[in-house]
Amino acid sequence: MSKGEVVFLSVGGMKFTTFAATLKRYQDSKLARVLEGGDPDFRVVNGHLFVDRDGSLFRYILDFLRTRQLILPPGFSDHDRLVREADFYDLPSLIDLINQDRLKQRLEILEVRFSLQEAYSYFRVFCSCNSTIETLAGRITVSAEQPSQNWNPSFSAHRSLVSIPLQRPSHHDLVFQCGTDYSAGDEFSTRYVSIQPDQRKLINGSNVLGLLVDTLLREGFRLVSTRTVSPKEKIECYTFERTRRTELLNMSVEQGANRNVTQFKAEKSQSKRK
């Protein structure tokens, strides 16, 4: 069959159409062999090459043959099944990419510690991914009432607010507080918190906690546990997690070939030393 011919496939009943050249991309694969001389796993049914395999996963295999890239949707979890399909079609380069993608997926853990006192609340946010903390720090704003020597309670609503930087003990956590802490001893006693894109300036710790949780849930985190760390100090801990993914894994034929040659030479060298 010439490379320019169109091939009609039926994989588990799902229909696919492609060029013969695409299926012959990897000459040692089962798909290339079936076009050259047939294969007992394939048979012609109603003008289609039929094979009794998983059609929903074959689309990723065909896309790999077309682009030399593995592109999986967010939250993909059928790596084992996809490896079995790639093994059936004799595509070791694709198996390598699937395993790379499996390793790239990591659970990102985020923890919020919340201490609710009588007049103020204290927050400490820790995350295993420092870029998430950087993003979150850019969305959280703490502002405080600027004191005046001639302060009058009746005009407190008109006092100007100044921005207070978040505390960053490390690259993986941030600390802030809201409410009125008279024991702090600094000049900014009353602090408000806003979290973009919400424009409200909140002083109540429970409201800030609710907004923070909503923000994390919208960003793909899910709440996995809550616990009381210290009943005496009223410290609660909320643990979230989400799956981190890379956008795209690329491997060219040359990259795969070079790596296989290097691996073969290394194995051959080791066998000689034995």
Protein backbone atom coordinates (compact mmCIF):
# COMPACT_ATOMS: atom_id res chain seq x y z
CA MET A 1 0.00 0.00 0.00
CA SER A 2 1.42 3.38 -1.01
CA LYS A 3 1.91 6.06 1.63
CA GLY A 4 -0.54 8.41 -0.06
CA GLU A 5 -3.49 6.04 0.15
CA VAL A 6 -6.29 6.65 2.63
CA VAL A 7 -6.88 3.96 5.24
CA PHE A 8 -10.18 3.38 7.03
CA LEU A 9 -9.89 1.86 10.48
CA SER A 10 -12.43 0.44 12.89
CA VAL A 11 -10.97 0.13 16.38
CA GLY A 12 -13.44 -1.55 18.71
CA GLY A 13 -16.23 -0.18 16.52
CA MET A 14 -14.94 3.42 16.47
CA LYS A 15 -14.12 4.68 12.98
CA PHE A 16 -10.88 6.47 12.06
CA THR A 17 -9.52 7.74 8.75
CA THR A 18 -5.89 8.55 8.05
CA PHE A 19 -3.14 8.21 5.46
CA ALA A 20 -1.09 5.07 5.14
CA ALA A 21 2.01 7.20 5.69
CA THR A 22 0.78 8.06 9.17
CA LEU A 23 0.38 4.41 10.13
CA LYS A 24 3.83 3.66 8.69
CA ARG A 25 5.49 6.40 10.76
CA TYR A 26 7.26 3.74 12.83
CA GLN A 27 8.27 0.87 10.56
CA ASP A 28 8.56 -1.67 13.38
CA SER A 29 5.04 -1.02 14.67
CA LYS A 30 2.12 -3.39 14.24
CA LEU A 31 0.21 -0.74 12.27
CA ALA A 32 3.03 -0.49 9.73
CA ARG A 33 3.26 -4.27 9.43
CA VAL A 34 -0.46 -4.72 8.84
CA LEU A 35 -0.23 -2.47 5.77
CA GLU A 36 2.80 -4.31 4.44
CA GLY A 37 1.66 -7.88 4.75
CA GLY A 38 -1.28 -8.22 7.05
CA ASP A 39 -1.57 -9.18 10.70
CA PRO A 40 -3.72 -11.86 12.37
CA ASP A 41 -5.14 -9.29 14.81
CA PHE A 42 -6.62 -7.25 11.94
CA ARG A 43 -9.29 -8.19 9.41
CA VAL A 44 -11.18 -6.30 6.72
CA VAL A 45 -14.84 -5.68 7.67
CA ASN A 46 -17.07 -3.58 5.40
CA GLY A 47 -14.07 -1.89 3.83
CA HIS A 48 -12.46 -1.04 7.18
CA LEU A 49 -9.43 -2.57 8.83
CA PHE A 50 -10.99 -3.87 12.04
CA VAL A 51 -9.12 -4.60 15.27
CA ASP A 52 -10.79 -5.47 18.55
CA ARG A 53 -9.06 -2.89 20.77
CA ASP A 54 -9.99 0.23 22.76
CA GLY A 55 -11.17 2.87 20.29
CA SER A 56 -11.41 5.66 22.87
CA LEU A 57 -7.67 5.34 23.59
CA PHE A 58 -6.67 4.81 19.96
CA ARG A 59 -7.28 8.50 19.25
CA TYR A 60 -4.25 9.34 21.42
CA ILE A 61 -2.19 6.75 19.56
CA LEU A 62 -3.23 8.07 16.16
CA ASP A 63 -2.55 11.64 17.29
CA PHE A 64 0.93 10.56 18.38
CA LEU A 65 1.57 9.02 14.96
CA ARG A 66 0.47 12.26 13.31
CA THR A 67 2.35 14.74 15.49
CA ARG A 68 5.02 12.77 17.40
CA GLN A 69 3.55 14.34 20.53
CA LEU A 70 1.55 12.97 23.43
CA ILE A 71 -1.27 15.34 24.32
CA LEU A 72 -3.51 14.13 27.14
CA PRO A 73 -6.44 16.01 28.66
CA PRO A 74 -6.27 17.42 32.21
CA GLY A 75 -7.05 14.78 34.81
CA PHE A 76 -6.19 11.85 32.51
CA SER A 77 -5.69 8.75 34.66
CA ASP A 78 -5.78 5.76 32.27
CA HIS A 79 -2.02 5.54 31.86
CA ASP A 80 -1.90 1.78 32.47
CA ARG A 81 -4.53 1.07 29.83
CA LEU A 82 -2.86 3.42 27.36
CA VAL A 83 0.48 1.69 27.94
CA ARG A 84 -1.17 -1.66 27.15
CA GLU A 85 -2.58 -0.25 23.92
CA ALA A 86 0.78 1.26 22.92
CA ASP A 87 2.45 -2.06 23.68
CA PHE A 88 -0.09 -3.89 21.51
CA TYR A 89 0.76 -1.61 18.58
CA ASP A 90 4.52 -1.98 19.27
CA LEU A 91 5.19 1.72 19.94
CA PRO A 92 7.97 1.87 22.58
CA SER A 93 8.53 5.59 22.00
CA LEU A 94 4.92 6.27 22.95
CA ILE A 95 5.26 4.08 26.05
CA ASP A 96 8.22 6.23 27.12
CA LEU A 97 6.13 9.38 26.77
CA ILE A 98 3.21 7.91 28.69
CA ASN A 99 5.50 6.99 31.56
CA GLN A 100 7.03 10.48 31.49
CA ASP A 101 3.56 11.99 31.71
CA ARG A 102 2.71 9.71 34.61
CA LEU A 103 5.80 10.96 36.47
CA LYS A 104 4.98 14.58 35.64
CA GLN A 105 1.67 14.32 37.44
CA ARG A 106 2.14 15.28 41.08
CA LEU A 107 -0.27 16.06 43.84
CA GLU A 108 0.11 19.65 44.95
CA ILE A 109 -0.59 19.99 48.66
CA LEU A 110 -1.77 23.27 50.17
CA GLU A 111 -2.46 23.85 53.86
CA VAL A 112 -4.27 26.77 55.48
CA ARG A 113 -3.82 27.33 59.21
CA PHE A 114 -6.40 29.64 60.67
CA SER A 115 -6.38 31.07 64.20
CA LEU A 116 -9.52 32.92 65.29
CA GLN A 117 -9.02 35.19 68.29
CA GLU A 118 -11.49 37.59 69.90
CA ALA A 119 -10.74 40.63 67.74
CA TYR A 120 -8.39 39.40 65.01
CA SER A 121 -7.57 36.33 62.92
CA TYR A 122 -4.23 34.91 61.84
CA PHE A 123 -3.59 32.99 58.60
CA ARG A 124 -0.63 30.89 57.49
CA VAL A 125 -0.75 29.32 54.03
CA PHE A 126 1.78 26.65 53.03
CA CYS A 127 2.03 25.00 49.60
CA SER A 128 4.34 22.33 48.18
CA CYS A 129 4.55 24.37 44.95
CA ASN A 130 6.19 27.75 45.49
CA SER A 131 4.77 29.18 42.24
CA THR A 132 1.26 28.72 43.66
CA ILE A 133 2.26 30.70 46.74
CA GLU A 134 3.69 33.43 44.51
CA THR A 135 0.43 33.61 42.57
CA LEU A 136 -1.67 33.63 45.72
CA ALA A 137 0.50 36.32 47.30
CA GLY A 138 -0.12 38.48 44.25
CA ARG A 139 -3.87 38.20 44.73
CA ILE A 140 -4.05 38.81 48.49
CA THR A 141 -3.90 42.41 49.68
CA VAL A 142 -3.72 43.44 53.33
CA SER A 143 -4.53 47.07 54.06
CA ALA A 144 -4.62 48.90 57.37
CA GLU A 145 -6.08 52.06 58.72
CA GLN A 146 -3.49 54.78 58.90
CA PRO A 147 -3.54 56.26 62.42
CA SER A 148 -4.00 59.93 63.05
CA GLN A 149 -2.96 61.94 66.10
CA ASN A 150 -6.36 63.64 66.10
CA TRP A 151 -8.34 60.45 65.69
CA ASN A 152 -12.08 60.68 66.23
CA PRO A 153 -14.17 57.47 66.31
CA SER A 154 -16.97 59.17 64.41
CA PHE A 155 -14.64 59.69 61.43
CA SER A 156 -13.03 56.21 61.49
CA ALA A 157 -14.82 55.20 58.29
CA HIS A 158 -13.03 57.99 56.44
CA ARG A 159 -9.52 57.10 57.56
CA SER A 160 -7.12 56.31 54.74
CA LEU A 161 -5.83 52.78 54.17
CA VAL A 162 -2.23 51.81 53.51
CA SER A 163 -1.01 48.51 52.05
CA ILE A 164 0.76 46.10 54.40
CA PRO A 165 3.16 43.55 52.84
CA LEU A 166 2.50 39.88 53.46
CA GLN A 167 4.98 38.04 55.61
CA ARG A 168 6.98 35.43 53.65
CA PRO A 169 8.87 33.13 56.06
CA SER A 170 9.95 31.00 53.08
CA HIS A 171 9.28 30.48 49.37
CA HIS A 172 6.56 27.99 50.27
CA ASP A 173 4.41 29.92 52.73
CA LEU A 174 2.86 33.27 53.49
CA VAL A 175 1.40 34.83 56.64
CA PHE A 176 -1.17 37.57 57.14
CA GLN A 177 -3.84 38.66 59.58
CA CYS A 178 -7.04 40.66 59.70
CA GLY A 179 -9.08 42.35 62.38
CA THR A 180 -7.89 44.49 65.28
CA ASP A 181 -4.93 43.31 67.33
CA TYR A 182 -4.35 45.75 70.17
CA SER A 183 -1.46 43.70 71.51
CA ALA A 184 0.57 43.96 68.31
CA GLY A 185 2.23 47.17 69.41
CA ASP A 186 2.54 48.54 65.88
CA GLU A 187 0.93 51.62 64.45
CA PHE A 188 -1.44 49.67 62.19
CA SER A 189 -3.92 47.95 64.49
CA THR A 190 -6.94 47.32 62.22
CA ARG A 191 -6.29 45.29 59.07
CA TYR A 192 -8.50 44.37 56.13
CA VAL A 193 -7.98 41.60 53.58
CA SER A 194 -9.07 41.41 49.95
CA ILE A 195 -8.49 38.54 47.53
CA GLN A 196 -8.66 39.30 43.80
CA PRO A 197 -10.83 39.32 41.80
CA ASP A 198 -13.17 40.00 44.74
CA GLN A 199 -13.05 43.72 45.57
CA ARG A 200 -14.35 43.56 49.14
CA LYS A 201 -12.12 44.53 52.05
CA LEU A 202 -12.93 42.06 54.80
CA ILE A 203 -12.11 42.44 58.47
CA ASN A 204 -13.89 39.36 59.83
CA GLY A 205 -11.65 36.29 59.88
CA SER A 206 -14.42 33.81 59.12
CA ASN A 207 -15.39 35.82 56.03
CA VAL A 208 -11.78 35.92 54.87
CA LEU A 209 -11.47 32.17 55.39
CA GLY A 210 -14.62 31.56 53.34
CA LEU A 211 -13.35 33.73 50.50
CA LEU A 212 -9.93 32.04 50.59
CA VAL A 213 -11.51 28.57 50.44
CA ASP A 214 -13.75 29.61 47.53
CA THR A 215 -10.71 30.98 45.70
CA LEU A 216 -8.77 27.73 46.13
CA LEU A 217 -11.71 25.60 44.99
CA ARG A 218 -12.08 27.71 41.84
CA GLU A 219 -8.39 27.13 41.12
CA GLY A 220 -8.86 23.37 41.04
CA PHE A 221 -8.00 22.46 44.62
CA ARG A 222 -10.23 20.14 46.60
CA LEU A 223 -10.59 20.07 50.36
CA VAL A 224 -9.35 16.71 51.68
CA SER A 225 -9.26 17.20 55.45
CA THR A 226 -9.91 19.59 58.31
CA ARG A 227 -8.60 19.28 61.84
CA THR A 228 -8.12 21.29 65.00
CA VAL A 229 -4.40 21.69 65.68
CA SER A 230 -4.73 23.45 69.02
CA PRO A 231 -8.14 23.76 70.70
CA LYS A 232 -6.68 26.05 73.35
CA GLU A 233 -5.25 28.50 70.80
CA LYS A 234 -8.20 27.95 68.42
CA ILE A 235 -6.01 26.91 65.50
CA GLU A 236 -7.71 25.03 62.68
CA CYS A 237 -6.00 23.40 59.71
CA TYR A 238 -7.52 22.92 56.24
CA THR A 239 -5.68 20.70 53.75
CA PHE A 240 -6.24 20.93 49.99
CA GLU A 241 -4.78 19.09 47.02
CA ARG A 242 -4.83 19.26 43.23
CA THR A 243 -3.03 17.51 40.40
CA ARG A 244 -0.23 19.37 38.70
CA ARG A 245 0.35 18.73 35.00
CA THR A 246 2.67 19.81 32.24
CA GLU A 247 0.92 21.25 29.19
CA LEU A 248 2.67 19.14 26.59
CA LEU A 249 5.30 16.45 26.20
CA ASN A 250 7.26 16.41 22.96
CA MET A 251 9.49 13.76 21.47
CA SER A 252 10.75 13.76 17.92
CA VAL A 253 11.71 10.61 16.05
CA GLU A 254 15.34 11.72 16.21
CA GLN A 255 15.21 12.25 19.98
CA GLY A 256 13.71 8.84 20.51
CA ALA A 257 16.18 7.20 18.17
CA ASN A 258 19.18 8.88 19.78
CA ARG A 259 18.08 7.85 23.24
CA ASN A 260 17.51 4.26 22.15
CA VAL A 261 20.96 4.11 20.54
CA THR A 262 22.59 5.52 23.69
CA GLN A 263 20.70 3.06 25.88
CA PHE A 264 21.68 0.15 23.58
CA LYS A 265 25.37 1.14 23.69
CA ALA A 266 25.31 1.43 27.46
CA GLU A 267 23.68 -1.99 27.86
CA LYS A 268 26.14 -3.51 25.39
CA SER A 269 29.09 -1.99 27.27
CA GLN A 270 27.80 -3.35 30.57
CA SER A 271 27.36 -6.83 29.10
CA LYS A 272 30.99 -6.82 27.88
CA ARG A 273 32.26 -5.89 31.34
CA LYS A 274 30.38 -8.84 32.77
